[in-house]
Protein backbone atom coordinates (compact mmCIF):
# COMPACT_ATOMS: atom_id res chain seq x y z
CA MET A 1 -2.58 -19.82 3.35
CA THR A 2 -2.88 -16.38 1.83
CA ALA A 3 -3.90 -13.12 3.50
CA ARG A 4 -6.98 -13.11 1.26
CA ALA A 5 -8.02 -16.56 2.52
CA VAL A 6 -7.92 -15.24 6.08
CA LEU A 7 -9.44 -11.80 5.48
CA VAL A 8 -12.40 -12.57 3.20
CA PRO A 9 -14.31 -14.69 5.76
CA LEU A 10 -13.36 -12.25 8.53
CA LEU A 11 -14.66 -9.24 6.60
CA ALA A 12 -17.87 -11.07 5.67
CA GLN A 13 -18.85 -11.29 9.35
CA PRO A 14 -21.10 -8.47 10.51
CA GLY A 15 -19.50 -6.32 13.13
CA ASP A 16 -20.13 -3.26 15.24
CA ALA A 17 -19.69 -0.15 13.08
CA GLY A 18 -17.96 1.63 15.94
CA ALA A 19 -15.59 -1.22 16.78
CA PRO A 20 -11.89 -0.81 16.01
CA LEU A 21 -10.60 -2.64 12.93
CA LEU A 22 -7.66 -4.01 14.93
CA PRO A 23 -8.67 -4.39 18.58
CA SER A 24 -6.12 -4.98 21.32
CA LYS A 25 -6.43 -8.40 22.94
CA LYS A 26 -5.77 -6.86 26.36
CA THR A 27 -8.12 -3.88 26.30
CA GLY A 28 -10.47 -4.40 23.35
CA THR A 29 -9.77 -0.83 22.27
CA ALA A 30 -7.96 0.09 19.06
CA LEU A 31 -4.51 -1.43 18.74
CA ALA A 32 -1.86 1.22 19.40
CA THR A 33 0.68 2.15 16.73
CA ARG A 34 3.42 0.46 18.73
CA GLY A 35 1.35 -2.73 19.01
CA LEU A 36 0.75 -2.83 15.27
CA GLY A 37 4.46 -2.30 14.66
CA TYR A 38 5.22 -5.20 16.99
CA LEU A 39 2.83 -7.52 15.12
CA VAL A 40 4.18 -6.54 11.70
CA ALA A 41 7.76 -7.09 12.89
CA LYS A 42 6.83 -10.43 14.45
CA TYR A 43 5.21 -11.82 11.31
CA ALA A 44 7.83 -10.26 9.03
CA ALA A 45 10.52 -12.10 11.00
CA PHE A 46 8.49 -15.31 10.71
CA ALA A 47 8.33 -14.78 6.93
CA ARG A 48 12.04 -13.86 6.86
CA VAL A 49 11.35 -10.34 5.61
CA LYS A 50 13.75 -7.76 7.02
CA ASN A 51 12.93 -4.20 8.06
CA LEU A 52 9.20 -4.23 7.31
CA THR A 53 7.02 -1.61 9.01
CA PRO A 54 3.31 -0.77 8.95
CA HIS A 55 4.26 2.34 6.96
CA ASP A 56 5.90 0.12 4.30
CA LEU A 57 2.67 -1.85 4.03
CA ARG A 58 0.66 1.36 3.68
CA HIS A 59 2.93 2.57 0.89
CA ARG A 60 2.74 -0.75 -0.94
CA PHE A 61 -1.04 -0.65 -0.68
CA GLY A 62 -1.06 2.91 -2.06
CA TYR A 63 1.12 1.98 -5.03
CA GLN A 64 -0.95 -1.08 -5.85
CA MET A 65 -4.23 0.82 -5.62
CA ALA A 66 -2.88 3.74 -7.67
CA ALA A 67 -2.60 1.47 -10.68
CA ARG A 68 -6.35 0.76 -10.73
CA THR A 69 -8.19 3.36 -8.66
CA PRO A 70 -9.21 6.91 -9.64
CA LEU A 71 -7.23 9.58 -7.80
CA HIS A 72 -10.19 11.04 -5.89
CA ARG A 73 -11.18 7.57 -4.59
CA LEU A 74 -7.60 6.69 -3.62
CA THR A 75 -7.37 9.97 -1.72
CA GLN A 76 -10.45 8.97 0.29
CA ILE A 77 -9.24 5.40 0.87
CA MET A 78 -5.82 6.57 2.05
CA GLY A 79 -7.39 9.19 4.33
CA HIS A 80 -5.55 12.10 2.73
CA ASP A 81 -6.92 15.62 2.95
CA PHE A 82 -5.40 16.74 -0.34
CA LEU A 83 -5.06 15.19 -3.80
CA ASP A 84 -1.44 16.38 -3.89
CA THR A 85 -0.56 13.98 -1.08
CA THR A 86 -2.00 11.07 -3.04
CA MET A 87 -0.13 12.09 -6.20
CA PHE A 88 2.97 10.55 -4.59
CA TYR A 89 1.48 7.11 -5.25
CA ILE A 90 0.33 7.98 -8.77
CA GLU A 91 3.80 9.25 -9.70
CA GLY A 92 5.37 6.10 -8.25
CA ALA A 93 2.98 3.90 -10.19
CA ALA A 94 3.74 5.81 -13.40
CA CYS A 95 7.47 5.32 -12.81
CA ASN A 96 6.92 1.57 -12.39
CA LEU A 97 4.83 1.57 -15.57
CA GLN A 98 7.70 3.09 -17.53
CA ASN A 99 10.12 0.46 -16.17
CA GLU A 100 7.74 -2.34 -17.14
CA ALA A 101 7.32 -0.90 -20.64
CA GLU A 102 11.09 -0.71 -21.07
CA LYS A 103 11.43 -4.37 -20.06
CA ILE A 104 8.93 -5.36 -22.74
CA ALA A 105 10.73 -3.26 -25.35
CA TRP A 106 14.02 -5.08 -24.70
CA ASP A 107 12.66 -8.63 -24.59
């Protein structure tokens, strides 16, 4: 089962606009940073992925979105106050693009 297969039906359900995206099972309030880190580590271990953090997932998301999303929209999605902060992802995506182009040139 893929993450998409789980998330699409979940996101299609109407919810309370003020409800946290990731509620705590114990309190129903927003999941704390430490709790999210615990869940990521738990499922990363299950998938045999070492040293994965929520921050790693955020960065991967940013890089993936940078390849197909205008800078001003990515800045909003990532919650950055300044375009310069988001440029980190754009520069990383451009670096990956150059590597991919070099692979094609040598094949």
